[in-house]
Amino acid sequence: MGRVVVDVMPKPEILDPQGKAVAGALPRLGFGQFASVRQGKRFELEVDGPVTDEILAAARAAGEQVLSNPVIEDVVAVYEDTEEQGPAL
């Protein structure tokens, strides 16, 4: 079983109120080394069998057509997740 990750982020020109809220909270919590925050979405798509170039291309197409709003978001990464998943918490 393979897993593909699709990362979606707001376009740079789109305001990100959630990111601004997090950026404001981080210094108050002792994390002052970060200049800004943008919040996005991560999708994990499982496939039966290995992840091939065709699967990655299909995942990118799904990200651009279904998983994101192309008016305000960009698909910024599509890749195979090779990390072993631990037990559910």
C-alpha atoms as a PDB file:
ATOM      1  CA  MET A   1       0.000   0.000   0.000  1.00  0.00           C
ATOM      2  CA  GLY A   2       1.377   3.406  -0.948  1.00  0.00           C
ATOM      3  CA  ARG A   3       0.586   6.900   0.240  1.00  0.00           C
ATOM      4  CA  VAL A   4       0.745  10.179  -1.665  1.00  0.00           C
ATOM      5  CA  VAL A   5       0.746  13.565   0.066  1.00  0.00           C
ATOM      6  CA  VAL A   6      -0.721  16.658  -1.602  1.00  0.00           C
ATOM      7  CA  ASP A   7       0.105  19.978   0.088  1.00  0.00           C
ATOM      8  CA  VAL A   8      -2.110  22.988  -0.707  1.00  0.00           C
ATOM      9  CA  MET A   9      -1.348  26.562   0.368  1.00  0.00           C
ATOM     10  CA  PRO A  10      -3.132  29.886  -0.065  1.00  0.00           C
ATOM     11  CA  LYS A  11      -1.755  31.908  -2.975  1.00  0.00           C
ATOM     12  CA  PRO A  12       0.778  34.500  -1.769  1.00  0.00           C
ATOM     13  CA  GLU A  13      -1.538  37.430  -2.577  1.00  0.00           C
ATOM     14  CA  ILE A  14      -4.423  35.947  -0.530  1.00  0.00           C
ATOM     15  CA  LEU A  15      -4.791  37.068   3.080  1.00  0.00           C
ATOM     16  CA  ASP A  16      -4.297  34.264   5.597  1.00  0.00           C
ATOM     17  CA  PRO A  17      -6.082  35.219   8.849  1.00  0.00           C
ATOM     18  CA  GLN A  18      -5.394  31.834  10.471  1.00  0.00           C
ATOM     19  CA  GLY A  19      -1.695  32.158   9.705  1.00  0.00           C
ATOM     20  CA  LYS A  20      -1.668  35.717  11.101  1.00  0.00           C
ATOM     21  CA  ALA A  21      -3.360  34.532  14.300  1.00  0.00           C
ATOM     22  CA  VAL A  22      -0.802  31.766  14.762  1.00  0.00           C
ATOM     23  CA  ALA A  23       2.063  34.173  13.976  1.00  0.00           C
ATOM     24  CA  GLY A  24       0.754  36.511  16.682  1.00  0.00           C
ATOM     25  CA  ALA A  25       0.492  33.731  19.256  1.00  0.00           C
ATOM     26  CA  LEU A  26       3.903  32.144  18.708  1.00  0.00           C
ATOM     27  CA  PRO A  27       5.990  34.937  20.342  1.00  0.00           C
ATOM     28  CA  ARG A  28       3.669  34.988  23.351  1.00  0.00           C
ATOM     29  CA  LEU A  29       4.325  31.258  23.748  1.00  0.00           C
ATOM     30  CA  GLY A  30       8.102  31.597  23.559  1.00  0.00           C
ATOM     31  CA  PHE A  31       8.601  30.993  19.827  1.00  0.00           C
ATOM     32  CA  GLY A  32       9.795  34.420  18.696  1.00  0.00           C
ATOM     33  CA  GLN A  33      12.193  33.168  16.023  1.00  0.00           C
ATOM     34  CA  PHE A  34       9.500  32.867  13.325  1.00  0.00           C
ATOM     35  CA  ALA A  35       8.813  35.920  11.144  1.00  0.00           C
ATOM     36  CA  SER A  36       5.526  34.773   9.599  1.00  0.00           C
ATOM     37  CA  VAL A  37       3.153  31.827   9.258  1.00  0.00           C
ATOM     38  CA  ARG A  38       0.991  30.606   6.368  1.00  0.00           C
ATOM     39  CA  GLN A  39      -1.518  27.855   7.089  1.00  0.00           C
ATOM     40  CA  GLY A  40      -2.370  25.324   4.405  1.00  0.00           C
ATOM     41  CA  LYS A  41      -3.880  21.887   3.949  1.00  0.00           C
ATOM     42  CA  ARG A  42      -2.338  18.419   3.682  1.00  0.00           C
ATOM     43  CA  PHE A  43      -4.122  15.535   1.987  1.00  0.00           C
ATOM     44  CA  GLU A  44      -2.977  11.915   2.306  1.00  0.00           C
ATOM     45  CA  LEU A  45      -4.131   9.657  -0.510  1.00  0.00           C
ATOM     46  CA  GLU A  46      -3.652   5.907  -0.105  1.00  0.00           C
ATOM     47  CA  VAL A  47      -3.264   3.668  -3.144  1.00  0.00           C
ATOM     48  CA  ASP A  48      -3.238  -0.086  -3.588  1.00  0.00           C
ATOM     49  CA  GLY A  49       0.230  -0.982  -4.748  1.00  0.00           C
ATOM     50  CA  PRO A  50       3.306   1.141  -5.353  1.00  0.00           C
ATOM     51  CA  VAL A  51       3.314   4.874  -6.023  1.00  0.00           C
ATOM     52  CA  THR A  52       4.249   5.409  -9.669  1.00  0.00           C
ATOM     53  CA  ASP A  53       4.790   8.513 -11.778  1.00  0.00           C
ATOM     54  CA  GLU A  54       1.255   8.030 -13.127  1.00  0.00           C
ATOM     55  CA  ILE A  55      -0.171   7.942  -9.594  1.00  0.00           C
ATOM     56  CA  LEU A  56       1.712  11.142  -8.699  1.00  0.00           C
ATOM     57  CA  ALA A  57       0.426  12.852 -11.858  1.00  0.00           C
ATOM     58  CA  ALA A  58      -3.132  11.789 -11.014  1.00  0.00           C
ATOM     59  CA  ALA A  59      -2.705  13.073  -7.439  1.00  0.00           C
ATOM     60  CA  ARG A  60      -1.491  16.447  -8.766  1.00  0.00           C
ATOM     61  CA  ALA A  61      -4.488  16.629 -11.114  1.00  0.00           C
ATOM     62  CA  ALA A  62      -6.839  15.767  -8.232  1.00  0.00           C
ATOM     63  CA  GLY A  63      -5.164  18.425  -6.110  1.00  0.00           C
ATOM     64  CA  GLU A  64      -5.581  21.067  -8.789  1.00  0.00           C
ATOM     65  CA  GLN A  65      -9.161  20.133  -9.732  1.00  0.00           C
ATOM     66  CA  VAL A  66     -10.777  18.804  -6.543  1.00  0.00           C
ATOM     67  CA  LEU A  67      -8.677  19.221  -3.392  1.00  0.00           C
ATOM     68  CA  SER A  68      -7.907  22.925  -3.821  1.00  0.00           C
ATOM     69  CA  ASN A  69      -9.758  26.055  -4.811  1.00  0.00           C
ATOM     70  CA  PRO A  70      -7.603  27.185  -7.765  1.00  0.00           C
ATOM     71  CA  VAL A  71      -8.802  30.778  -7.431  1.00  0.00           C
ATOM     72  CA  ILE A  72      -7.169  31.229  -4.018  1.00  0.00           C
ATOM     73  CA  GLU A  73      -4.922  28.171  -3.496  1.00  0.00           C
ATOM     74  CA  ASP A  74      -1.910  26.502  -5.124  1.00  0.00           C
ATOM     75  CA  VAL A  75      -0.874  22.862  -5.015  1.00  0.00           C
ATOM     76  CA  VAL A  76       2.684  23.323  -3.740  1.00  0.00           C
ATOM     77  CA  ALA A  77       3.862  19.716  -3.392  1.00  0.00           C
ATOM     78  CA  VAL A  78       2.884  16.197  -4.417  1.00  0.00           C
ATOM     79  CA  TYR A  79       5.108  13.388  -3.185  1.00  0.00           C
ATOM     80  CA  GLU A  80       5.197   9.826  -1.948  1.00  0.00           C
ATOM     81  CA  ASP A  81       5.053   9.532   1.833  1.00  0.00           C
ATOM     82  CA  THR A  82       7.710   6.975   2.730  1.00  0.00           C
ATOM     83  CA  GLU A  83       7.456   7.384   6.509  1.00  0.00           C
ATOM     84  CA  GLU A  84       6.139   4.449   8.484  1.00  0.00           C
ATOM     85  CA  GLN A  85       2.885   5.296  10.223  1.00  0.00           C
ATOM     86  CA  GLY A  86       2.888   4.670  13.957  1.00  0.00           C
ATOM     87  CA  PRO A  87      -0.076   3.526  16.028  1.00  0.00           C
ATOM     88  CA  ALA A  88      -3.115   5.790  16.116  1.00  0.00           C
ATOM     89  CA  LEU A  89      -3.276   7.936  19.243  1.00  0.00           C
END
